Amino acid sequence: MTIRRRLAITSAVAVAIAVAGASLASYVAVRASLLADVDDSLRAQMERVTQMGVRALPGPGLVRRGARFGGPPMYSHVVTPTSTLAAAGGGQDNGESASDVRLPVTERDRAVADGSAPAYFWDADVHGVPIRGLTGPLATGVAIELARPVEEVQSALASLGIILLVVTGAGIAAGAGLGWAVSGRALRPVTRFTADTEALADADDISRRLPVAGDDEIARLARVFNSTLDRLESSADAQRRLVADASHELRTPLASLRANIEVLQQPGSLPAQEHDALLRDVVEQTEELGALVTDIVRAGETEVREDEAQDVRLDEVVAHVIARVLRLHPGVTVRRDLSPTVIDGVPERLHRLVANLLDNAVKWTPPGQPIDVTLHDRVLVVRDHGPGFAEEDLPHVFERFYRSDEARGKPGSGLGLAIVRQVAAMHGATVTAGNAPGGGGIVSVTFPGGR
């Protein structure tokens, strides 16, 4: 069911309840007013009979079908605890005697006669004629029943009921029609929003955006939708760049590796010394290719699972990575100043972060120059003594596959510092890059919540 139809039905139901309630209240009020008039006339006649005695009794005529309201005289019966007497002043009424039809007498009426029950109003149907009566004490041991037809009251109430039913039906129809019209106008922005989103989905173009006008709920929804599209487009662009850059980075080492393998497949094409050197190159290229694939896989990781995190002595991780760097690069000097630091993280990924920082520093440090590594107050700082970062490169040093002009002649995938930032973000840390006052590049990682 559409929202518009639900609103129309809801409006119709609300109008139906309101109109039906008003109609019922009107019917009850009119009925009570008409019956009050009848009761007043019966009460006035009862007072007259009580004051004047049997001379004030109406004739004992029949309760006649079709009598006009207020037209015929009231009818009466005198009631004793043991019997029923016709009222005085009898006579014939249109050829019928009063004994032909008598008012109903109940045990309650006899109780009023013997004084054990008070006067009361009652309703009855005599030969198809609706009547309303009043039974009250007349004298000691005697009660009187007074009654009058109420056909006109019931006829008026029946007519009123028909009118109210028609009004209720018309109100419901009008409420449904107005609800349909108003809901259509009120939901017009929703209809446009739905059409725009469907058109955007059919176009398969996430660069399109929804029009935003005003500051209502639909406008806010459109802004949120556009913001989601912005993030989706950025993610798709990043994915495309990752695939394109990874393809580009993998193409060169794969081509070189293939060429070397093809040369090695030709027996006797190279002297033994060159053959062994080419084999070593193939092994090194394979290792570089494996490291590149690992970097690409790491670049796709976005979060740390809760079951992976544990307390990690970051200073021990840094010391371990420094020892590895010194083994691989015997000519490199590392000056360290490490304070015991415990953080919540994943040892393997933190190892990768520190290793990438030091590998980047080794790449840019001239021979004979040291690398400075400090860890204090949960801040890890790695400084090289190379040329430092160019000002135009600083905004991009943490981007995937970004390589400056000076870096294009050096080994690497352009993913090292990007992975540093990514691992830092996984651990809630922040990373910055800049140039040291005395020259060289400096990269700082600030970890939260450590001990």
Protein backbone atom coordinates (compact mmCIF):
# COMPACT_ATOMS: atom_id res chain seq x y z
CA MET A 1 0.00 0.00 0.00
CA THR A 2 1.37 3.41 -0.96
CA ILE A 3 1.91 6.13 1.60
CA ARG A 4 -0.69 8.28 -0.14
CA ARG A 5 -3.31 5.55 0.12
CA ARG A 6 -2.46 4.95 3.77
CA LEU A 7 -2.83 8.68 4.49
CA ALA A 8 -6.17 8.81 2.67
CA ILE A 9 -7.48 5.80 4.59
CA THR A 10 -6.18 7.22 7.86
CA SER A 11 -7.93 10.54 7.13
CA ALA A 12 -11.16 8.75 6.27
CA VAL A 13 -11.02 6.69 9.47
CA ALA A 14 -10.30 9.81 11.56
CA VAL A 15 -13.20 11.69 9.96
CA ALA A 16 -15.45 8.66 10.37
CA ILE A 17 -14.67 8.43 14.08
CA ALA A 18 -15.20 12.17 14.57
CA VAL A 19 -18.43 12.38 12.57
CA ALA A 20 -19.81 9.14 14.05
CA GLY A 21 -19.04 10.40 17.54
CA ALA A 22 -20.68 13.74 16.85
CA SER A 23 -23.72 12.04 15.26
CA LEU A 24 -24.11 9.63 18.15
CA ALA A 25 -23.83 12.47 20.65
CA SER A 26 -26.42 14.49 18.71
CA TYR A 27 -28.80 11.52 18.53
CA VAL A 28 -28.46 10.81 22.26
CA ALA A 29 -28.98 14.50 23.13
CA VAL A 30 -32.08 14.87 20.92
CA ARG A 31 -33.55 11.59 22.20
CA ALA A 32 -32.98 12.65 25.80
CA SER A 33 -34.60 16.04 25.11
CA LEU A 34 -37.71 14.55 23.47
CA LEU A 35 -38.16 11.93 26.16
CA ALA A 36 -37.68 14.62 28.81
CA ASP A 37 -40.62 16.51 27.29
CA VAL A 38 -42.75 13.37 27.46
CA ASP A 39 -41.67 12.71 31.02
CA ASP A 40 -42.47 16.30 32.00
CA SER A 41 -45.99 15.97 30.62
CA LEU A 42 -46.47 12.66 32.47
CA ARG A 43 -45.11 14.13 35.68
CA ALA A 44 -47.39 17.21 35.38
CA GLN A 45 -50.42 14.98 34.83
CA MET A 46 -49.39 12.82 37.82
CA GLU A 47 -49.24 15.92 40.04
CA ARG A 48 -52.66 17.00 38.80
CA VAL A 49 -54.15 13.57 39.53
CA THR A 50 -52.58 13.52 42.97
CA GLN A 51 -54.05 16.93 43.78
CA MET A 52 -57.54 16.48 42.24
CA GLY A 53 -58.07 12.75 42.71
CA VAL A 54 -59.82 10.50 40.24
CA ARG A 55 -61.62 13.45 38.66
CA ALA A 56 -58.33 14.39 36.99
CA LEU A 57 -57.82 10.96 35.50
CA PRO A 58 -57.89 10.71 31.75
CA GLY A 59 -60.51 8.54 30.20
CA PRO A 60 -59.85 4.86 30.09
CA GLY A 61 -59.77 4.81 26.30
CA LEU A 62 -57.66 2.50 24.15
CA VAL A 63 -54.04 2.98 23.20
CA ARG A 64 -54.79 3.60 19.58
CA ARG A 65 -52.41 2.90 16.69
CA GLY A 66 -51.30 6.02 14.81
CA ALA A 67 -52.24 8.51 17.52
CA ARG A 68 -50.61 11.91 17.00
CA PHE A 69 -48.10 13.02 19.60
CA GLY A 70 -49.89 15.07 22.21
CA GLY A 71 -53.18 14.61 20.38
CA PRO A 72 -54.93 11.79 22.19
CA PRO A 73 -55.58 11.97 25.91
CA MET A 74 -53.39 10.09 28.30
CA TYR A 75 -54.42 6.62 29.32
CA SER A 76 -54.58 5.34 32.84
CA HIS A 77 -55.06 2.32 35.06
CA VAL A 78 -55.64 2.28 38.78
CA VAL A 79 -53.54 -0.43 40.41
CA THR A 80 -53.92 -2.03 43.84
CA PRO A 81 -51.61 -4.59 45.37
CA THR A 82 -53.98 -7.36 44.31
CA SER A 83 -55.96 -6.10 41.29
CA THR A 84 -56.22 -3.60 38.44
CA LEU A 85 -59.14 -1.20 38.11
CA ALA A 86 -60.19 0.83 35.11
CA ALA A 87 -59.89 4.55 35.62
CA ALA A 88 -62.94 6.68 36.33
CA GLY A 89 -64.64 8.49 33.54
CA GLY A 90 -64.59 5.52 31.18
CA GLY A 91 -66.68 5.49 28.13
CA GLN A 92 -66.26 4.48 24.53
CA ASP A 93 -63.45 5.61 22.28
CA ASN A 94 -64.18 5.23 18.58
CA GLY A 95 -66.49 2.32 19.35
CA GLU A 96 -63.98 0.44 21.55
CA SER A 97 -64.23 0.02 25.29
CA ALA A 98 -61.40 0.62 27.68
CA SER A 99 -61.48 -3.04 28.64
CA ASP A 100 -60.44 -4.04 25.12
CA VAL A 101 -56.83 -2.95 25.75
CA ARG A 102 -55.26 -2.43 29.12
CA LEU A 103 -51.93 -0.94 30.09
CA PRO A 104 -49.41 -3.57 31.26
CA VAL A 105 -49.27 -4.09 35.00
CA THR A 106 -46.18 -5.59 36.59
CA GLU A 107 -45.17 -6.64 40.10
CA ARG A 108 -43.25 -3.38 40.35
CA ASP A 109 -46.49 -1.47 39.72
CA ARG A 110 -48.16 -3.40 42.58
CA ALA A 111 -45.14 -2.67 44.76
CA VAL A 112 -45.68 1.04 44.11
CA ALA A 113 -49.36 0.56 45.14
CA ASP A 114 -48.47 -1.04 48.47
CA GLY A 115 -45.84 1.63 49.12
CA SER A 116 -42.77 -0.64 48.93
CA ALA A 117 -41.40 0.93 45.70
CA PRO A 118 -41.11 4.52 44.46
CA ALA A 119 -42.65 5.99 41.31
CA TYR A 120 -40.87 5.17 38.05
CA PHE A 121 -41.03 5.71 34.30
CA TRP A 122 -41.41 2.78 31.94
CA ASP A 123 -41.71 1.97 28.23
CA ALA A 124 -43.92 -0.64 26.60
CA ASP A 125 -45.46 -1.66 23.32
CA VAL A 126 -49.23 -2.18 23.25
CA HIS A 127 -50.58 -3.69 20.06
CA GLY A 128 -47.65 -2.28 18.11
CA VAL A 129 -48.02 1.23 19.56
CA PRO A 130 -44.98 2.46 21.54
CA ILE A 131 -45.97 4.13 24.79
CA ARG A 132 -44.18 5.70 27.72
CA GLY A 133 -45.70 5.58 31.14
CA LEU A 134 -45.33 6.71 34.72
CA THR A 135 -46.48 4.70 37.72
CA GLY A 136 -46.88 6.58 40.99
CA PRO A 137 -48.79 6.34 44.31
CA LEU A 138 -52.30 7.78 44.29
CA ALA A 139 -53.50 6.99 47.81
CA THR A 140 -52.83 4.47 50.50
CA GLY A 141 -52.81 1.03 48.85
CA VAL A 142 -53.50 2.55 45.41
CA ALA A 143 -51.21 3.47 42.49
CA ILE A 144 -51.98 5.00 39.14
CA GLU A 145 -50.46 4.24 35.77
CA LEU A 146 -50.35 7.16 33.33
CA ALA A 147 -49.22 6.58 29.72
CA ARG A 148 -49.12 8.31 26.38
CA PRO A 149 -48.05 7.24 22.87
CA VAL A 150 -44.54 8.14 21.73
CA GLU A 151 -44.83 7.25 18.05
CA GLU A 152 -43.97 10.81 17.05
CA VAL A 153 -40.83 10.72 19.22
CA GLN A 154 -39.64 7.49 17.64
CA SER A 155 -40.55 8.74 14.18
CA ALA A 156 -38.54 11.91 14.76
CA LEU A 157 -35.62 9.91 16.11
CA ALA A 158 -35.75 7.53 13.14
CA SER A 159 -35.68 10.48 10.73
CA LEU A 160 -32.83 12.03 12.68
CA GLY A 161 -30.93 8.72 12.59
CA ILE A 162 -31.27 8.53 8.80
CA ILE A 163 -30.08 12.11 8.45
CA LEU A 164 -27.09 11.48 10.71
CA LEU A 165 -26.19 8.31 8.81
CA VAL A 166 -26.23 10.25 5.55
CA VAL A 167 -24.16 13.03 7.08
CA THR A 168 -21.69 10.48 8.48
CA GLY A 169 -21.35 8.73 5.11
CA ALA A 170 -20.90 12.05 3.32
CA GLY A 171 -18.31 13.12 5.92
CA ILE A 172 -16.35 9.91 5.48
CA ALA A 173 -16.41 10.26 1.69
CA ALA A 174 -15.38 13.90 1.92
CA GLY A 175 -12.63 13.04 4.41
CA ALA A 176 -11.29 10.32 2.13
CA GLY A 177 -11.39 12.61 -0.89
CA LEU A 178 -9.75 15.49 0.92
CA GLY A 179 -7.21 13.11 2.46
CA TRP A 180 -6.34 11.77 -0.99
CA ALA A 181 -6.00 15.27 -2.43
CA VAL A 182 -4.06 16.71 0.51
CA SER A 183 -1.80 13.68 0.81
CA GLY A 184 -1.04 13.89 -2.90
CA ARG A 185 0.04 17.50 -2.51
CA ALA A 186 1.91 16.86 0.74
CA LEU A 187 3.71 13.82 -0.69
CA ARG A 188 4.68 15.52 -3.93
CA PRO A 189 8.26 16.08 -2.69
CA VAL A 190 8.44 12.41 -1.71
CA THR A 191 7.21 11.43 -5.17
CA ARG A 192 9.85 13.62 -6.80
CA PHE A 193 12.52 12.24 -4.47
CA THR A 194 11.49 8.67 -5.34
CA ALA A 195 11.51 9.43 -9.06
CA ASP A 196 14.93 11.10 -8.81
CA THR A 197 16.45 8.18 -6.91
CA GLU A 198 14.96 5.66 -9.34
CA ALA A 199 16.31 7.65 -12.28
CA LEU A 200 19.72 7.80 -10.60
CA ALA A 201 19.67 4.04 -10.00
CA ASP A 202 18.61 3.33 -13.59
CA ALA A 203 21.31 5.63 -14.95
CA ASP A 204 24.04 3.71 -13.06
CA ASP A 205 25.94 6.97 -12.60
CA ILE A 206 27.00 7.69 -9.03
CA SER A 207 28.37 11.09 -10.05
CA ARG A 208 24.82 12.46 -10.29
CA ARG A 209 23.26 14.12 -7.28
CA LEU A 210 19.72 14.74 -6.10
CA PRO A 211 18.40 18.31 -6.20
CA VAL A 212 18.05 19.87 -2.75
CA ALA A 213 15.58 22.68 -2.02
CA GLY A 214 14.45 23.99 1.35
CA ASP A 215 15.17 22.61 4.79
CA ASP A 216 12.38 20.10 5.39
CA GLU A 217 12.73 16.37 6.03
CA ILE A 218 12.93 15.54 2.33
CA ALA A 219 15.69 18.11 1.82
CA ARG A 220 17.66 16.68 4.75
CA LEU A 221 17.14 13.18 3.39
CA ALA A 222 18.40 14.32 -0.01
CA ARG A 223 21.49 15.84 1.61
CA VAL A 224 22.19 12.61 3.48
CA PHE A 225 21.66 10.65 0.26
CA ASN A 226 24.04 12.95 -1.62
CA SER A 227 26.59 12.63 1.18
CA THR A 228 26.32 8.86 0.92
CA LEU A 229 26.83 9.11 -2.83
CA ASP A 230 29.89 11.30 -2.24
CA ARG A 231 31.44 8.66 -0.01
CA LEU A 232 30.43 5.91 -2.42
CA GLU A 233 31.97 7.77 -5.34
CA SER A 234 35.15 8.43 -3.37
CA SER A 235 35.34 4.75 -2.45
CA ALA A 236 34.75 3.69 -6.05
CA ASP A 237 37.39 6.14 -7.27
CA ALA A 238 39.85 4.89 -4.67
CA GLN A 239 39.12 1.33 -5.73
CA ARG A 240 39.67 2.16 -9.38
CA ARG A 241 42.90 3.98 -8.54
CA LEU A 242 44.05 1.05 -6.44
CA VAL A 243 43.41 -1.40 -9.24
CA ALA A 244 44.99 0.86 -11.87
CA ASP A 245 48.00 1.73 -9.73
CA ALA A 246 48.48 -1.85 -8.62
CA SER A 247 48.33 -3.01 -12.23
CA HIS A 248 50.87 -0.38 -13.19
CA GLU A 249 53.19 -1.20 -10.29
CA LEU A 250 52.97 -4.94 -10.94
CA ARG A 251 53.52 -4.64 -14.67
CA THR A 252 57.17 -3.48 -14.47
CA PRO A 253 58.53 -6.12 -12.05
CA LEU A 254 56.56 -8.85 -13.79
CA ALA A 255 57.96 -7.82 -17.20
CA SER A 256 61.51 -7.70 -15.83
CA LEU A 257 61.06 -11.04 -14.06
CA ARG A 258 59.69 -12.64 -17.22
CA ALA A 259 62.54 -11.30 -19.32
CA ASN A 260 65.14 -12.66 -16.90
CA ILE A 261 63.43 -16.05 -16.76
CA GLU A 262 63.30 -16.23 -20.56
CA VAL A 263 67.05 -15.56 -20.68
CA LEU A 264 67.66 -18.23 -18.08
CA GLN A 265 65.63 -20.71 -20.15
CA GLN A 266 68.21 -20.50 -22.94
CA PRO A 267 70.99 -22.93 -21.93
CA GLY A 268 74.50 -21.70 -22.49
CA SER A 269 73.42 -18.18 -23.41
CA LEU A 270 75.31 -16.63 -20.50
CA PRO A 271 78.60 -17.25 -18.78
CA ALA A 272 78.32 -18.97 -15.40
CA GLN A 273 79.07 -15.81 -13.44
CA GLU A 274 76.43 -13.77 -15.27
CA HIS A 275 74.01 -16.69 -15.02
CA ASP A 276 74.40 -16.78 -11.23
CA ALA A 277 74.03 -12.98 -11.00
CA LEU A 278 70.85 -13.16 -13.09
CA LEU A 279 69.49 -15.86 -10.80
CA ARG A 280 70.14 -13.65 -7.80
CA ASP A 281 68.32 -10.82 -9.61
CA VAL A 282 65.35 -13.14 -10.20
CA VAL A 283 65.25 -14.05 -6.52
CA GLU A 284 65.44 -10.40 -5.49
CA GLN A 285 62.75 -9.43 -8.01
CA THR A 286 60.55 -12.23 -6.71
CA GLU A 287 61.00 -10.97 -3.15
CA GLU A 288 60.23 -7.40 -4.24
CA LEU A 289 57.16 -8.63 -6.09
CA GLY A 290 56.01 -10.56 -3.00
CA ALA A 291 56.55 -7.46 -0.85
CA LEU A 292 54.58 -5.38 -3.35
CA VAL A 293 51.67 -7.83 -3.31
CA THR A 294 51.77 -7.81 0.49
CA ASP A 295 51.64 -4.01 0.48
CA ILE A 296 48.69 -4.03 -1.89
CA VAL A 297 46.85 -6.52 0.34
CA ARG A 298 47.65 -4.44 3.41
CA ALA A 299 46.36 -1.35 1.64
CA GLY A 300 42.94 -2.99 1.40
CA GLU A 301 42.63 -3.62 5.13
CA THR A 302 40.49 -1.08 6.95
CA GLU A 303 39.91 -2.21 10.54
CA VAL A 304 41.17 -4.23 13.46
CA ARG A 305 39.05 -7.08 14.75
CA GLU A 306 38.43 -7.08 18.49
CA ASP A 307 39.85 -10.59 18.86
CA GLU A 308 43.15 -9.46 17.30
CA ALA A 309 43.88 -6.58 19.70
CA GLN A 310 46.10 -7.10 22.74
CA ASP A 311 48.53 -5.22 24.96
CA VAL A 312 51.69 -4.55 22.94
CA ARG A 313 55.03 -3.21 24.16
CA LEU A 314 55.56 -0.72 21.36
CA ASP A 315 59.13 0.02 22.44
CA GLU A 316 60.00 -3.67 22.04
CA VAL A 317 58.41 -3.74 18.59
CA VAL A 318 60.47 -0.70 17.57
CA ALA A 319 63.67 -2.26 18.95
CA HIS A 320 62.98 -5.48 17.05
CA VAL A 321 62.43 -3.62 13.78
CA ILE A 322 65.62 -1.57 14.32
CA ALA A 323 67.60 -4.81 14.79
CA ARG A 324 66.17 -6.13 11.52
CA VAL A 325 67.08 -2.95 9.67
CA LEU A 326 70.65 -3.10 10.97
CA ARG A 327 70.98 -6.70 9.78
CA LEU A 328 69.70 -5.91 6.30
CA HIS A 329 71.60 -2.62 5.99
CA PRO A 330 74.94 -2.99 7.78
CA GLY A 331 76.07 0.52 6.84
CA VAL A 332 73.04 2.23 8.46
CA THR A 333 73.27 3.84 11.90
CA VAL A 334 70.15 4.16 14.06
CA ARG A 335 70.11 6.38 17.13
CA ARG A 336 67.30 5.35 19.47
CA ASP A 337 65.63 6.81 22.55
CA LEU A 338 62.76 4.57 23.58
CA SER A 339 60.55 4.73 26.66
CA PRO A 340 58.54 1.69 27.80
CA THR A 341 55.15 2.09 26.13
CA VAL A 342 52.17 -0.28 26.14
CA ILE A 343 49.32 0.21 23.66
CA ASP A 344 46.26 -1.78 22.65
CA GLY A 345 46.85 -3.12 19.15
CA VAL A 346 47.90 -5.89 16.79
CA PRO A 347 51.63 -6.71 16.98
CA GLU A 348 51.96 -7.75 13.33
CA ARG A 349 50.42 -4.56 12.02
CA LEU A 350 52.35 -2.34 14.39
CA HIS A 351 55.50 -4.12 13.22
CA ARG A 352 54.53 -3.28 9.64
CA LEU A 353 53.97 0.38 10.59
CA VAL A 354 57.40 0.73 12.23
CA ALA A 355 59.11 -1.23 9.46
CA ASN A 356 57.64 1.00 6.77
CA LEU A 357 58.74 4.12 8.66
CA LEU A 358 62.31 2.85 8.97
CA ASP A 359 62.44 1.52 5.40
CA ASN A 360 61.39 4.95 4.17
CA ALA A 361 64.05 6.60 6.35
CA VAL A 362 66.75 4.17 5.13
CA LYS A 363 65.80 4.92 1.53
CA TRP A 364 66.36 8.67 1.98
CA THR A 365 69.30 8.70 4.40
CA PRO A 366 72.66 9.38 2.72
CA PRO A 367 75.59 7.06 3.55
CA GLY A 368 77.20 7.89 6.86
CA GLN A 369 74.16 9.77 8.20
CA PRO A 370 72.16 8.38 11.14
CA ILE A 371 68.45 7.72 11.54
CA ASP A 372 66.91 9.04 14.77
CA VAL A 373 64.08 7.05 16.40
CA THR A 374 62.38 8.29 19.58
CA LEU A 375 59.38 7.01 21.55
CA HIS A 376 58.11 9.14 24.43
CA ASP A 377 54.61 9.86 25.77
CA ARG A 378 53.07 7.51 23.18
CA VAL A 379 54.60 9.50 20.30
CA LEU A 380 56.83 7.62 17.86
CA VAL A 381 59.13 9.85 15.77
CA VAL A 382 61.37 8.68 12.93
CA ARG A 383 63.75 11.22 11.36
CA ASP A 384 66.14 10.80 8.49
CA HIS A 385 68.91 13.17 7.42
CA GLY A 386 68.13 13.21 3.75
CA PRO A 387 66.75 15.98 1.54
CA GLY A 388 63.38 16.02 3.32
CA PHE A 389 59.92 16.39 1.77
CA ALA A 390 59.29 18.87 -1.01
CA GLU A 391 56.57 21.33 -0.08
CA GLU A 392 54.41 20.28 -3.02
CA ASP A 393 54.71 16.62 -1.97
CA LEU A 394 53.74 17.03 1.70
CA PRO A 395 49.96 16.95 1.09
CA HIS A 396 50.32 13.67 -0.80
CA VAL A 397 52.97 11.66 1.03
CA PHE A 398 50.35 9.37 2.65
CA GLU A 399 48.41 8.70 -0.56
CA ARG A 400 48.49 5.25 -2.10
CA PHE A 401 51.09 4.78 -4.84
CA TYR A 402 52.09 8.43 -4.70
CA ARG A 403 55.74 8.87 -5.57
CA SER A 404 57.57 12.14 -5.89
CA ASP A 405 59.82 12.90 -8.83
CA GLU A 406 62.90 12.18 -6.70
CA ALA A 407 61.46 8.83 -5.57
CA ARG A 408 60.79 7.43 -9.02
CA GLY A 409 64.37 6.26 -9.39
CA LYS A 410 64.34 4.49 -6.03
CA PRO A 411 62.85 1.08 -5.14
CA GLY A 412 59.43 0.96 -3.60
CA SER A 413 55.73 0.75 -4.42
CA GLY A 414 54.52 4.09 -3.12
CA LEU A 415 52.45 2.26 -0.51
CA GLY A 416 54.77 2.42 2.50
CA LEU A 417 53.59 5.65 4.13
CA ALA A 418 50.00 5.02 2.99
CA ILE A 419 50.05 1.79 4.99
CA VAL A 420 51.58 3.68 7.94
CA ARG A 421 48.63 6.06 7.98
CA GLN A 422 46.17 3.21 7.53
CA VAL A 423 47.58 1.12 10.40
CA ALA A 424 47.73 4.23 12.58
CA ALA A 425 44.05 4.95 11.86
CA MET A 426 43.18 1.34 12.75
CA HIS A 427 44.72 1.92 16.19
CA GLY A 428 43.14 5.36 16.67
CA ALA A 429 46.50 7.09 16.14
CA THR A 430 47.35 10.15 14.07
CA VAL A 431 50.32 10.48 11.75
CA THR A 432 52.02 13.61 10.43
CA ALA A 433 54.94 14.31 8.11
CA GLY A 434 57.20 17.32 7.83
CA ASN A 435 60.75 18.56 7.62
CA ALA A 436 63.13 18.74 10.57
CA PRO A 437 64.69 22.10 11.41
CA GLY A 438 68.21 20.81 10.72
CA GLY A 439 67.22 19.08 7.49
CA GLY A 440 65.73 15.73 6.66
CA GLY A 441 62.26 14.31 6.81
CA ILE A 442 60.37 13.54 10.00
CA VAL A 443 57.30 11.37 10.47
CA SER A 444 55.44 11.26 13.82
CA VAL A 445 52.77 8.78 15.00
CA THR A 446 50.77 9.68 18.13
CA PHE A 447 48.98 6.79 19.84
CA PRO A 448 46.08 7.30 22.27
CA GLY A 449 45.35 5.40 25.47
CA GLY A 450 48.76 3.79 25.93
CA ARG A 451 50.57 3.21 29.22
